[in-house]
C-alpha atoms as a PDB file:
ATOM      1  CA  MET A   1      -1.878   0.077  34.206  1.00  0.00           C
ATOM      2  CA  SER A   2      -4.136   0.344  31.193  1.00  0.00           C
ATOM      3  CA  LYS A   3      -5.200  -2.583  29.030  1.00  0.00           C
ATOM      4  CA  VAL A   4      -3.691  -2.608  25.539  1.00  0.00           C
ATOM      5  CA  VAL A   5      -4.947  -5.130  22.992  1.00  0.00           C
ATOM      6  CA  VAL A   6      -2.703  -5.907  20.006  1.00  0.00           C
ATOM      7  CA  THR A   7      -4.709  -7.554  17.228  1.00  0.00           C
ATOM      8  CA  GLY A   8      -1.865  -9.444  15.542  1.00  0.00           C
ATOM      9  CA  ARG A   9       1.811 -10.326  15.682  1.00  0.00           C
ATOM     10  CA  ILE A  10       4.138  -7.299  15.730  1.00  0.00           C
ATOM     11  CA  PRO A  11       7.895  -6.952  16.335  1.00  0.00           C
ATOM     12  CA  GLU A  12       9.024  -7.570  19.897  1.00  0.00           C
ATOM     13  CA  ALA A  13      10.567  -4.099  20.192  1.00  0.00           C
ATOM     14  CA  ALA A  14       7.119  -2.516  20.032  1.00  0.00           C
ATOM     15  CA  LEU A  15       5.642  -5.007  22.492  1.00  0.00           C
ATOM     16  CA  GLU A  16       8.428  -4.255  24.962  1.00  0.00           C
ATOM     17  CA  LEU A  17       7.578  -0.547  24.845  1.00  0.00           C
ATOM     18  CA  LEU A  18       3.934  -1.286  25.601  1.00  0.00           C
ATOM     19  CA  ARG A  19       4.620  -3.904  28.299  1.00  0.00           C
ATOM     20  CA  ALA A  20       6.941  -1.541  30.142  1.00  0.00           C
ATOM     21  CA  GLU A  21       3.977   0.648  31.049  1.00  0.00           C
ATOM     22  CA  HIS A  22       0.763  -1.311  30.539  1.00  0.00           C
ATOM     23  CA  ASP A  23      -0.973  -4.677  30.589  1.00  0.00           C
ATOM     24  CA  VAL A  24      -0.721  -6.064  27.041  1.00  0.00           C
ATOM     25  CA  ASP A  25      -2.943  -8.721  25.474  1.00  0.00           C
ATOM     26  CA  ALA A  26      -1.280  -9.547  22.145  1.00  0.00           C
ATOM     27  CA  TRP A  27      -2.635 -12.047  19.635  1.00  0.00           C
ATOM     28  CA  ASP A  28       0.240 -14.306  18.600  1.00  0.00           C
ATOM     29  CA  GLY A  29      -1.507 -16.834  16.386  1.00  0.00           C
ATOM     30  CA  SER A  30      -0.030 -17.644  12.987  1.00  0.00           C
ATOM     31  CA  GLU A  31      -3.380 -16.801  11.374  1.00  0.00           C
ATOM     32  CA  SER A  32      -5.296 -13.535  11.666  1.00  0.00           C
ATOM     33  CA  ILE A  33      -7.493 -13.281  14.730  1.00  0.00           C
ATOM     34  CA  GLY A  34     -11.127 -14.277  14.164  1.00  0.00           C
ATOM     35  CA  ARG A  35     -13.795 -11.618  14.453  1.00  0.00           C
ATOM     36  CA  ASP A  36     -15.564 -13.145  17.442  1.00  0.00           C
ATOM     37  CA  GLU A  37     -12.283 -13.638  19.283  1.00  0.00           C
ATOM     38  CA  LEU A  38     -11.296 -10.049  18.527  1.00  0.00           C
ATOM     39  CA  LEU A  39     -14.569  -8.617  19.817  1.00  0.00           C
ATOM     40  CA  ALA A  40     -14.190 -10.629  23.019  1.00  0.00           C
ATOM     41  CA  ARG A  41     -10.564  -9.599  23.592  1.00  0.00           C
ATOM     42  CA  VAL A  42     -11.085  -5.852  23.130  1.00  0.00           C
ATOM     43  CA  ALA A  43     -13.678  -5.695  25.921  1.00  0.00           C
ATOM     44  CA  GLY A  44     -12.371  -3.272  28.526  1.00  0.00           C
ATOM     45  CA  ALA A  45      -9.396  -2.158  26.414  1.00  0.00           C
ATOM     46  CA  ASP A  46      -8.009   1.349  26.843  1.00  0.00           C
ATOM     47  CA  ALA A  47      -5.988   1.074  23.626  1.00  0.00           C
ATOM     48  CA  VAL A  48      -6.106  -1.125  20.541  1.00  0.00           C
ATOM     49  CA  VAL A  49      -3.034  -1.571  18.355  1.00  0.00           C
ATOM     50  CA  SER A  50      -4.493  -2.829  15.086  1.00  0.00           C
ATOM     51  CA  LEU A  51      -3.218  -4.369  11.877  1.00  0.00           C
ATOM     52  CA  LEU A  52      -4.739  -3.551   8.493  1.00  0.00           C
ATOM     53  CA  THR A  53      -6.275  -7.044   8.409  1.00  0.00           C
ATOM     54  CA  GLU A  54      -8.704  -6.122  11.196  1.00  0.00           C
ATOM     55  CA  ARG A  55     -11.833  -4.044  10.657  1.00  0.00           C
ATOM     56  CA  ILE A  56     -12.145  -1.326  13.275  1.00  0.00           C
ATOM     57  CA  ASP A  57     -15.774  -0.208  13.153  1.00  0.00           C
ATOM     58  CA  GLY A  58     -18.600   0.833  15.433  1.00  0.00           C
ATOM     59  CA  GLU A  59     -19.242  -2.743  16.486  1.00  0.00           C
ATOM     60  CA  LEU A  60     -15.688  -3.215  17.684  1.00  0.00           C
ATOM     61  CA  LEU A  61     -15.511   0.197  19.358  1.00  0.00           C
ATOM     62  CA  ASP A  62     -18.706  -0.539  21.263  1.00  0.00           C
ATOM     63  CA  ALA A  63     -17.421  -3.993  22.209  1.00  0.00           C
ATOM     64  CA  ALA A  64     -14.339  -2.350  23.692  1.00  0.00           C
ATOM     65  CA  GLY A  65     -16.405   0.055  25.772  1.00  0.00           C
ATOM     66  CA  PRO A  66     -16.472   3.768  26.575  1.00  0.00           C
ATOM     67  CA  GLN A  67     -13.057   3.713  28.272  1.00  0.00           C
ATOM     68  CA  LEU A  68     -11.318   3.085  24.905  1.00  0.00           C
ATOM     69  CA  LYS A  69      -9.053   6.041  24.157  1.00  0.00           C
ATOM     70  CA  VAL A  70      -7.016   5.170  21.083  1.00  0.00           C
ATOM     71  CA  VAL A  71      -6.796   2.901  18.054  1.00  0.00           C
ATOM     72  CA  ALA A  72      -3.210   2.812  16.763  1.00  0.00           C
ATOM     73  CA  ASN A  73      -3.064   1.327  13.263  1.00  0.00           C
ATOM     74  CA  VAL A  74       0.202  -0.337  12.216  1.00  0.00           C
ATOM     75  CA  ALA A  75      -0.107   0.964   8.628  1.00  0.00           C
ATOM     76  CA  VAL A  76      -0.053   4.225   6.769  1.00  0.00           C
ATOM     77  CA  GLY A  77      -3.372   3.430   5.076  1.00  0.00           C
ATOM     78  CA  TYR A  78      -6.408   3.336   7.348  1.00  0.00           C
ATOM     79  CA  ASP A  79      -9.271   2.183   5.159  1.00  0.00           C
ATOM     80  CA  ASN A  80      -9.777  -0.598   7.716  1.00  0.00           C
ATOM     81  CA  ILE A  81     -10.746   2.020  10.331  1.00  0.00           C
ATOM     82  CA  ASP A  82     -14.103   3.776  10.500  1.00  0.00           C
ATOM     83  CA  VAL A  83     -12.619   7.138  11.455  1.00  0.00           C
ATOM     84  CA  PRO A  84     -16.003   8.916  11.833  1.00  0.00           C
ATOM     85  CA  ALA A  85     -17.131   6.164  14.220  1.00  0.00           C
ATOM     86  CA  CYS A  86     -13.974   6.759  16.276  1.00  0.00           C
ATOM     87  CA  ARG A  87     -14.636  10.494  16.389  1.00  0.00           C
ATOM     88  CA  GLU A  88     -18.236   9.949  17.463  1.00  0.00           C
ATOM     89  CA  ARG A  89     -17.003   7.959  20.462  1.00  0.00           C
ATOM     90  CA  GLY A  90     -14.093  10.232  21.328  1.00  0.00           C
ATOM     91  CA  VAL A  91     -11.520   7.633  20.288  1.00  0.00           C
ATOM     92  CA  ILE A  92      -8.294   8.932  18.754  1.00  0.00           C
ATOM     93  CA  ALA A  93      -7.144   7.077  15.629  1.00  0.00           C
ATOM     94  CA  THR A  94      -3.513   7.068  14.496  1.00  0.00           C
ATOM     95  CA  ASN A  95      -1.484   5.595  11.654  1.00  0.00           C
ATOM     96  CA  THR A  96       2.209   5.179  10.717  1.00  0.00           C
ATOM     97  CA  PRO A  97       3.083   7.516   7.830  1.00  0.00           C
ATOM     98  CA  GLY A  98       6.640   8.239   6.750  1.00  0.00           C
ATOM     99  CA  VAL A  99       8.412   5.185   8.123  1.00  0.00           C
ATOM    100  CA  LEU A 100       7.447   2.920   5.215  1.00  0.00           C
ATOM    101  CA  THR A 101       7.959   5.455   2.415  1.00  0.00           C
ATOM    102  CA  GLU A 102      11.322   4.248   1.118  1.00  0.00           C
ATOM    103  CA  ALA A 103      10.535   0.538   1.388  1.00  0.00           C
ATOM    104  CA  THR A 104       7.263   0.908  -0.512  1.00  0.00           C
ATOM    105  CA  ALA A 105       8.883   3.063  -3.187  1.00  0.00           C
ATOM    106  CA  ASP A 106      11.520   0.341  -3.602  1.00  0.00           C
ATOM    107  CA  ILE A 107       8.790  -2.233  -4.210  1.00  0.00           C
ATOM    108  CA  ALA A 108       7.016   0.095  -6.650  1.00  0.00           C
ATOM    109  CA  PHE A 109      10.148   0.497  -8.687  1.00  0.00           C
ATOM    110  CA  GLY A 110      10.952  -3.178  -8.373  1.00  0.00           C
ATOM    111  CA  LEU A 111       7.562  -3.958  -9.923  1.00  0.00           C
ATOM    112  CA  ILE A 112       8.206  -1.418 -12.669  1.00  0.00           C
ATOM    113  CA  LEU A 113      11.404  -3.280 -13.539  1.00  0.00           C
ATOM    114  CA  MET A 114       9.732  -6.687 -13.229  1.00  0.00           C
ATOM    115  CA  ALA A 115       6.956  -5.680 -15.596  1.00  0.00           C
ATOM    116  CA  THR A 116       8.933  -3.723 -18.163  1.00  0.00           C
ATOM    117  CA  ARG A 117      11.863  -6.178 -18.325  1.00  0.00           C
ATOM    118  CA  ARG A 118       9.699  -9.324 -18.009  1.00  0.00           C
ATOM    119  CA  LEU A 119      11.690 -10.592 -15.049  1.00  0.00           C
ATOM    120  CA  GLY A 120       8.859 -12.701 -13.650  1.00  0.00           C
ATOM    121  CA  GLU A 121       8.423 -14.448 -16.991  1.00  0.00           C
ATOM    122  CA  GLY A 122      12.153 -15.123 -17.164  1.00  0.00           C
ATOM    123  CA  GLU A 123      12.327 -16.606 -13.682  1.00  0.00           C
ATOM    124  CA  ARG A 124       9.286 -18.807 -14.294  1.00  0.00           C
ATOM    125  CA  LEU A 125      10.885 -20.066 -17.496  1.00  0.00           C
ATOM    126  CA  ILE A 126      14.116 -21.005 -15.733  1.00  0.00           C
ATOM    127  CA  ARG A 127      12.302 -22.732 -12.861  1.00  0.00           C
ATOM    128  CA  SER A 128      10.064 -24.675 -15.254  1.00  0.00           C
ATOM    129  CA  GLY A 129      13.070 -26.484 -16.657  1.00  0.00           C
ATOM    130  CA  ALA A 130      12.039 -25.613 -20.209  1.00  0.00           C
ATOM    131  CA  ALA A 131      14.746 -25.310 -22.843  1.00  0.00           C
ATOM    132  CA  TRP A 132      15.846 -21.758 -23.665  1.00  0.00           C
ATOM    133  CA  LYS A 133      18.607 -20.030 -25.575  1.00  0.00           C
ATOM    134  CA  TRP A 134      19.792 -16.428 -25.797  1.00  0.00           C
ATOM    135  CA  GLY A 135      18.588 -14.657 -28.905  1.00  0.00           C
ATOM    136  CA  MET A 136      18.219 -11.117 -30.242  1.00  0.00           C
ATOM    137  CA  PHE A 137      14.458 -11.221 -29.769  1.00  0.00           C
ATOM    138  CA  PHE A 138      14.248 -13.463 -26.705  1.00  0.00           C
ATOM    139  CA  LEU A 139      11.977 -12.050 -23.939  1.00  0.00           C
ATOM    140  CA  LEU A 140      12.399  -8.490 -25.134  1.00  0.00           C
ATOM    141  CA  GLY A 141      11.244  -5.893 -22.651  1.00  0.00           C
ATOM    142  CA  SER A 142      11.086  -2.130 -22.611  1.00  0.00           C
ATOM    143  CA  GLY A 143      13.753   0.317 -21.378  1.00  0.00           C
ATOM    144  CA  LEU A 144      12.936   3.173 -19.008  1.00  0.00           C
ATOM    145  CA  GLN A 145      15.381   5.876 -20.051  1.00  0.00           C
ATOM    146  CA  GLY A 146      13.591   8.789 -21.687  1.00  0.00           C
ATOM    147  CA  LYS A 147      10.166   7.326 -20.861  1.00  0.00           C
ATOM    148  CA  THR A 148       7.444   9.015 -18.798  1.00  0.00           C
ATOM    149  CA  LEU A 149       6.326   7.846 -15.363  1.00  0.00           C
ATOM    150  CA  GLY A 150       2.848   8.977 -14.356  1.00  0.00           C
ATOM    151  CA  ILE A 151       2.276   8.993 -10.594  1.00  0.00           C
ATOM    152  CA  VAL A 152      -1.290   8.897  -9.302  1.00  0.00           C
ATOM    153  CA  GLY A 153      -1.109  10.383  -5.810  1.00  0.00           C
ATOM    154  CA  MET A 154       2.016  12.429  -5.122  1.00  0.00           C
ATOM    155  CA  GLY A 155       2.398  11.989  -1.376  1.00  0.00           C
ATOM    156  CA  GLY A 156       5.581  10.815   0.282  1.00  0.00           C
ATOM    157  CA  ILE A 157       5.668   7.405  -1.426  1.00  0.00           C
ATOM    158  CA  GLY A 158       4.813   8.914  -4.805  1.00  0.00           C
ATOM    159  CA  GLN A 159       7.623  11.438  -4.416  1.00  0.00           C
ATOM    160  CA  ALA A 160      10.097   8.736  -3.373  1.00  0.00           C
ATOM    161  CA  THR A 161       9.112   6.700  -6.435  1.00  0.00           C
ATOM    162  CA  ALA A 162       9.575   9.777  -8.618  1.00  0.00           C
ATOM    163  CA  SER A 163      13.074  10.219  -7.187  1.00  0.00           C
ATOM    164  CA  ARG A 164      13.948   6.687  -8.259  1.00  0.00           C
ATOM    165  CA  ALA A 165      12.478   7.330 -11.699  1.00  0.00           C
ATOM    166  CA  LYS A 166      14.661  10.407 -12.112  1.00  0.00           C
ATOM    167  CA  ALA A 167      17.726   8.284 -11.357  1.00  0.00           C
ATOM    168  CA  PHE A 168      16.651   5.972 -14.181  1.00  0.00           C
ATOM    169  CA  GLY A 169      16.382   8.881 -16.615  1.00  0.00           C
ATOM    170  CA  MET A 170      12.598   9.055 -16.689  1.00  0.00           C
ATOM    171  CA  GLU A 171      10.364  12.103 -17.040  1.00  0.00           C
ATOM    172  CA  VAL A 172       7.743  12.461 -14.291  1.00  0.00           C
ATOM    173  CA  VAL A 173       4.175  13.719 -14.385  1.00  0.00           C
ATOM    174  CA  TYR A 174       1.752  13.420 -11.513  1.00  0.00           C
ATOM    175  CA  GLN A 175      -1.909  13.724 -10.619  1.00  0.00           C
ATOM    176  CA  SER A 176      -2.751  14.773  -7.086  1.00  0.00           C
ATOM    177  CA  ARG A 177      -5.409  16.669  -5.161  1.00  0.00           C
ATOM    178  CA  SER A 178      -2.950  19.488  -4.580  1.00  0.00           C
ATOM    179  CA  GLU A 179       0.370  20.658  -5.950  1.00  0.00           C
ATOM    180  CA  ILE A 180       3.504  19.482  -4.208  1.00  0.00           C
ATOM    181  CA  ASP A 181       6.136  21.877  -2.899  1.00  0.00           C
ATOM    182  CA  PRO A 182       7.532  23.763  -5.933  1.00  0.00           C
ATOM    183  CA  ALA A 183      11.109  23.106  -4.794  1.00  0.00           C
ATOM    184  CA  ILE A 184      10.457  19.358  -4.649  1.00  0.00           C
ATOM    185  CA  ALA A 185       8.698  19.443  -8.023  1.00  0.00           C
ATOM    186  CA  ALA A 186      11.685  21.258  -9.534  1.00  0.00           C
ATOM    187  CA  GLU A 187      14.136  18.790  -7.993  1.00  0.00           C
ATOM    188  CA  LEU A 188      12.175  15.838  -9.381  1.00  0.00           C
ATOM    189  CA  GLY A 189      11.383  17.542 -12.677  1.00  0.00           C
ATOM    190  CA  ALA A 190       7.750  16.637 -11.983  1.00  0.00           C
ATOM    191  CA  ARG A 191       4.821  18.304 -13.729  1.00  0.00           C
ATOM    192  CA  ARG A 192       1.239  18.211 -12.462  1.00  0.00           C
ATOM    193  CA  VAL A 193      -1.445  17.115 -14.946  1.00  0.00           C
ATOM    194  CA  ASP A 194      -4.981  15.801 -14.716  1.00  0.00           C
ATOM    195  CA  LEU A 195      -5.622  12.069 -14.706  1.00  0.00           C
ATOM    196  CA  ASP A 196      -6.792  11.924 -18.318  1.00  0.00           C
ATOM    197  CA  GLU A 197      -3.584  13.510 -19.598  1.00  0.00           C
ATOM    198  CA  LEU A 198      -1.451  11.373 -17.309  1.00  0.00           C
ATOM    199  CA  LEU A 199      -2.973   8.183 -18.657  1.00  0.00           C
ATOM    200  CA  GLU A 200      -2.598   9.338 -22.235  1.00  0.00           C
ATOM    201  CA  ILE A 201       1.098  10.304 -22.104  1.00  0.00           C
ATOM    202  CA  SER A 202       2.636   7.943 -19.525  1.00  0.00           C
ATOM    203  CA  ASP A 203       4.696   4.887 -20.394  1.00  0.00           C
ATOM    204  CA  VAL A 204       4.330   3.633 -16.810  1.00  0.00           C
ATOM    205  CA  VAL A 205       1.474   4.551 -14.458  1.00  0.00           C
ATOM    206  CA  SER A 206       2.195   3.989 -10.754  1.00  0.00           C
ATOM    207  CA  VAL A 207      -0.663   4.226  -8.239  1.00  0.00           C
ATOM    208  CA  HIS A 208       0.050   5.776  -4.817  1.00  0.00           C
ATOM    209  CA  CYS A 209      -3.192   7.506  -3.792  1.00  0.00           C
ATOM    210  CA  PRO A 210      -5.169   6.677  -0.621  1.00  0.00           C
ATOM    211  CA  TYR A 211      -8.153   4.361  -0.907  1.00  0.00           C
ATOM    212  CA  GLY A 212     -11.683   5.558  -0.212  1.00  0.00           C
ATOM    213  CA  PRO A 213     -15.042   5.953  -1.953  1.00  0.00           C
ATOM    214  CA  ALA A 214     -13.606   8.571  -4.307  1.00  0.00           C
ATOM    215  CA  THR A 215     -10.807   6.268  -5.482  1.00  0.00           C
ATOM    216  CA  HIS A 216     -12.674   2.942  -5.641  1.00  0.00           C
ATOM    217  CA  HIS A 217     -11.953   1.532  -9.129  1.00  0.00           C
ATOM    218  CA  LEU A 218     -10.271   4.811 -10.054  1.00  0.00           C
ATOM    219  CA  ILE A 219      -8.494   2.749 -12.703  1.00  0.00           C
ATOM    220  CA  GLY A 220     -11.086   0.779 -14.656  1.00  0.00           C
ATOM    221  CA  ASP A 221     -12.114  -0.001 -18.228  1.00  0.00           C
ATOM    222  CA  GLU A 222     -12.194   3.607 -19.397  1.00  0.00           C
ATOM    223  CA  GLN A 223      -8.855   4.545 -17.868  1.00  0.00           C
ATOM    224  CA  LEU A 224      -7.067   1.429 -19.116  1.00  0.00           C
ATOM    225  CA  ALA A 225      -8.393   2.044 -22.633  1.00  0.00           C
ATOM    226  CA  ALA A 226      -6.951   5.568 -22.475  1.00  0.00           C
ATOM    227  CA  MET A 227      -3.418   4.293 -21.804  1.00  0.00           C
ATOM    228  CA  LYS A 228      -0.846   3.539 -24.488  1.00  0.00           C
ATOM    229  CA  GLU A 229      -0.760  -0.020 -25.777  1.00  0.00           C
ATOM    230  CA  THR A 230       2.923  -0.032 -24.790  1.00  0.00           C
ATOM    231  CA  ALA A 231       2.269   1.234 -21.253  1.00  0.00           C
ATOM    232  CA  TYR A 232       2.454  -0.526 -17.902  1.00  0.00           C
ATOM    233  CA  LEU A 233       0.371  -0.162 -14.731  1.00  0.00           C
ATOM    234  CA  VAL A 234       1.800  -0.631 -11.214  1.00  0.00           C
ATOM    235  CA  ASN A 235      -0.226  -0.594  -7.981  1.00  0.00           C
ATOM    236  CA  THR A 236       1.364  -0.575  -4.523  1.00  0.00           C
ATOM    237  CA  ALA A 237      -1.374   1.466  -2.793  1.00  0.00           C
ATOM    238  CA  ARG A 238      -4.605  -0.460  -2.158  1.00  0.00           C
ATOM    239  CA  GLY A 239      -6.122  -3.192  -4.313  1.00  0.00           C
ATOM    240  CA  PRO A 240      -9.623  -1.792  -4.876  1.00  0.00           C
ATOM    241  CA  ILE A 241      -8.240   1.356  -6.523  1.00  0.00           C
ATOM    242  CA  VAL A 242      -7.803  -0.839  -9.605  1.00  0.00           C
ATOM    243  CA  ASP A 243     -10.643  -2.866 -11.112  1.00  0.00           C
ATOM    244  CA  GLU A 244      -8.902  -6.240 -11.341  1.00  0.00           C
ATOM    245  CA  ALA A 245     -11.376  -7.734 -13.800  1.00  0.00           C
ATOM    246  CA  ALA A 246     -10.953  -4.737 -16.099  1.00  0.00           C
ATOM    247  CA  LEU A 247      -7.172  -4.948 -15.767  1.00  0.00           C
ATOM    248  CA  ALA A 248      -7.121  -8.650 -16.633  1.00  0.00           C
ATOM    249  CA  ALA A 249      -9.274  -7.990 -19.698  1.00  0.00           C
ATOM    250  CA  ALA A 250      -7.042  -5.112 -20.802  1.00  0.00           C
ATOM    251  CA  LEU A 251      -3.898  -7.213 -20.410  1.00  0.00           C
ATOM    252  CA  ARG A 252      -5.406 -10.119 -22.320  1.00  0.00           C
ATOM    253  CA  ALA A 253      -6.608  -7.857 -25.133  1.00  0.00           C
ATOM    254  CA  GLY A 254      -3.274  -6.041 -25.407  1.00  0.00           C
ATOM    255  CA  LEU A 255      -4.758  -2.663 -24.463  1.00  0.00           C
ATOM    256  CA  ILE A 256      -1.692  -2.198 -22.245  1.00  0.00           C
ATOM    257  CA  ALA A 257       1.611  -4.048 -22.306  1.00  0.00           C
ATOM    258  CA  GLY A 258       1.820  -5.251 -18.723  1.00  0.00           C
ATOM    259  CA  ALA A 259       1.288  -4.627 -15.028  1.00  0.00           C
ATOM    260  CA  GLY A 260       2.801  -5.118 -11.598  1.00  0.00           C
ATOM    261  CA  LEU A 261       0.649  -5.552  -8.481  1.00  0.00           C
ATOM    262  CA  ASP A 262       1.573  -5.682  -4.798  1.00  0.00           C
ATOM    263  CA  VAL A 263      -2.015  -5.251  -3.569  1.00  0.00           C
ATOM    264  CA  PHE A 264      -5.325  -6.845  -4.526  1.00  0.00           C
ATOM    265  CA  GLU A 265      -9.037  -6.148  -4.263  1.00  0.00           C
ATOM    266  CA  LYS A 266      -9.875  -9.075  -1.988  1.00  0.00           C
ATOM    267  CA  GLU A 267      -6.611 -10.062  -0.354  1.00  0.00           C
ATOM    268  CA  PRO A 268      -5.341 -12.700  -0.136  1.00  0.00           C
ATOM    269  CA  THR A 269      -7.484 -13.767  -3.102  1.00  0.00           C
ATOM    270  CA  VAL A 270      -6.219 -12.705  -6.519  1.00  0.00           C
ATOM    271  CA  HIS A 271      -8.540 -12.465  -9.510  1.00  0.00           C
ATOM    272  CA  PRO A 272      -8.147 -15.838 -11.292  1.00  0.00           C
ATOM    273  CA  ASP A 273      -7.800 -14.225 -14.726  1.00  0.00           C
ATOM    274  CA  LEU A 274      -4.673 -12.397 -13.558  1.00  0.00           C
ATOM    275  CA  LEU A 275      -3.084 -15.662 -12.449  1.00  0.00           C
ATOM    276  CA  GLU A 276      -3.311 -16.994 -15.999  1.00  0.00           C
ATOM    277  CA  LEU A 277      -1.455 -14.080 -17.595  1.00  0.00           C
ATOM    278  CA  GLU A 278       2.286 -13.862 -18.185  1.00  0.00           C
ATOM    279  CA  ASN A 279       2.365 -10.075 -18.613  1.00  0.00           C
ATOM    280  CA  VAL A 280       1.576  -9.224 -14.988  1.00  0.00           C
ATOM    281  CA  ALA A 281       3.979  -9.434 -12.051  1.00  0.00           C
ATOM    282  CA  LEU A 282       2.242 -10.389  -8.794  1.00  0.00           C
ATOM    283  CA  VAL A 283       3.723 -10.101  -5.287  1.00  0.00           C
ATOM    284  CA  PRO A 284       1.900 -10.615  -1.956  1.00  0.00           C
ATOM    285  CA  HIS A 285       1.648  -7.134  -0.372  1.00  0.00           C
ATOM    286  CA  LEU A 286       5.362  -6.745   0.341  1.00  0.00           C
ATOM    287  CA  GLY A 287       5.518  -2.936   0.171  1.00  0.00           C
ATOM    288  CA  SER A 288       6.685  -2.431   3.748  1.00  0.00           C
ATOM    289  CA  ALA A 289       8.149  -5.897   4.240  1.00  0.00           C
ATOM    290  CA  THR A 290      11.624  -5.187   5.545  1.00  0.00           C
ATOM    291  CA  VAL A 291      12.722  -5.911   9.104  1.00  0.00           C
ATOM    292  CA  GLU A 292      13.656  -2.271   9.585  1.00  0.00           C
ATOM    293  CA  THR A 293      10.402  -0.867   8.229  1.00  0.00           C
ATOM    294  CA  ARG A 294       8.020  -3.218  10.028  1.00  0.00           C
ATOM    295  CA  THR A 295       9.851  -2.572  13.302  1.00  0.00           C
ATOM    296  CA  ALA A 296       9.632   1.195  12.773  1.00  0.00           C
ATOM    297  CA  MET A 297       5.915   0.929  11.937  1.00  0.00           C
ATOM    298  CA  ALA A 298       5.101  -1.098  15.053  1.00  0.00           C
ATOM    299  CA  THR A 299       7.224   1.130  17.258  1.00  0.00           C
ATOM    300  CA  LEU A 300       5.496   4.261  15.962  1.00  0.00           C
ATOM    301  CA  ALA A 301       2.094   2.666  16.590  1.00  0.00           C
ATOM    302  CA  ALA A 302       3.195   1.835  20.135  1.00  0.00           C
ATOM    303  CA  ASP A 303       4.407   5.406  20.631  1.00  0.00           C
ATOM    304  CA  ASN A 304       1.031   6.689  19.442  1.00  0.00           C
ATOM    305  CA  ALA A 305      -0.855   4.476  21.886  1.00  0.00           C
ATOM    306  CA  LEU A 306       1.452   5.337  24.777  1.00  0.00           C
ATOM    307  CA  ALA A 307       1.142   9.064  24.117  1.00  0.00           C
ATOM    308  CA  VAL A 308      -2.658   9.008  24.193  1.00  0.00           C
ATOM    309  CA  LEU A 309      -2.739   6.862  27.325  1.00  0.00           C
ATOM    310  CA  ALA A 310      -0.414   9.411  28.962  1.00  0.00           C
ATOM    311  CA  GLY A 311      -2.754  12.240  28.025  1.00  0.00           C
ATOM    312  CA  GLU A 312      -0.394  13.572  25.343  1.00  0.00           C
ATOM    313  CA  GLN A 313      -0.750  14.343  21.641  1.00  0.00           C
ATOM    314  CA  PRO A 314       0.196  11.260  19.566  1.00  0.00           C
ATOM    315  CA  PRO A 315       2.955  11.715  16.968  1.00  0.00           C
ATOM    316  CA  THR A 316       0.793  10.786  13.964  1.00  0.00           C
ATOM    317  CA  GLN A 317      -2.900  11.268  14.618  1.00  0.00           C
ATOM    318  CA  ILE A 318      -5.243  10.780  11.671  1.00  0.00           C
ATOM    319  CA  SER A 319      -6.733  14.192  10.922  1.00  0.00           C
END
C-alpha cells in the first residue's frame, strides 16, 4: 500500500476510495494545516491530495521525497502548485476541471444579480432594523435584458455563465486566448473581441480567466477607467486578477456602478476599503460550494491519485 497524504478535510466519499487501496494520512483539523506540520506529514508520501490553501512548491516536493508520484489538486485552478517544479522531479500534477463549472457559473450570475439589483444593500437594510418604505425610486437597480455581458476568459465556466446570460436576454462578447467552437459561439450568440473593446461596450464584465503572471492585476486602474460608469464588475476566478485597491477607488469615485466578488487577493483578508462600500457584493469564495460539486471535485482528485499510483494515465492531468 502506498502512502497518500490529504492536506485538508474532504468529503468522506473520496477518502473511502483512497482508503480502499492505500494508507491515508488525512488532515482533519478545523483550521488549515500549518506549513511545518504539512512538510513533516508529506515525508515518504507517494501521493499528495492538496487543497488550494496549500502551497505545493519545490520545498514541499523535496520534503516528500523522490518516491512522490502525484499531486492531485482538489480545484480547477492550480496557481497554488509549482507545476514546473513538479515536472523537474517527475511528479504528475492534476486538477479537477469540469465538475465545478455549473456551480461556479451559478455564483457568477448570482453576483451579477446581487450587484445590479442591489440585493446585498437591501438585505443589510432589513437586518439593520432601519425604517424603510416602498417608493418609486427606492434602491433602484439596473435590469439585464438587452444589456451586454463581457466575459474575460471563455473556458467552460465562462461559457456556462454566457448561457445563463442568454436566458436573461443579454448580448455576450468575450475575450479569450483563442476562439471557442463556432457552433457554441453561435448557440450563445457570443462574439470575440479584444479586452479594450470588451471593457468599453460591456454593461457587466465577468472574470473567468486562469490566474498567472500574465493575468496578475489584469483589471486595474486603466481597465476600470475604460468601463462605463453604469457598468458592473464580477470576479469568480482568482482574487489577484483584479487590483482590489484600484477597484475600491473606482467604486468610491463612481467610475463604475458596482461589483460582485467571490475571490480576493489575500484570502481570507478583504481590502478594508471594499468593506466600507455599499455598491459591492462580497461572498467568501463560494463558487464550488455545493455538496454535489465538492464531492465530485474530491472524488475526481482521488481518481487522479489512484490512477497514477496504479501506473495509469490520470483523468485530468495538468498539461
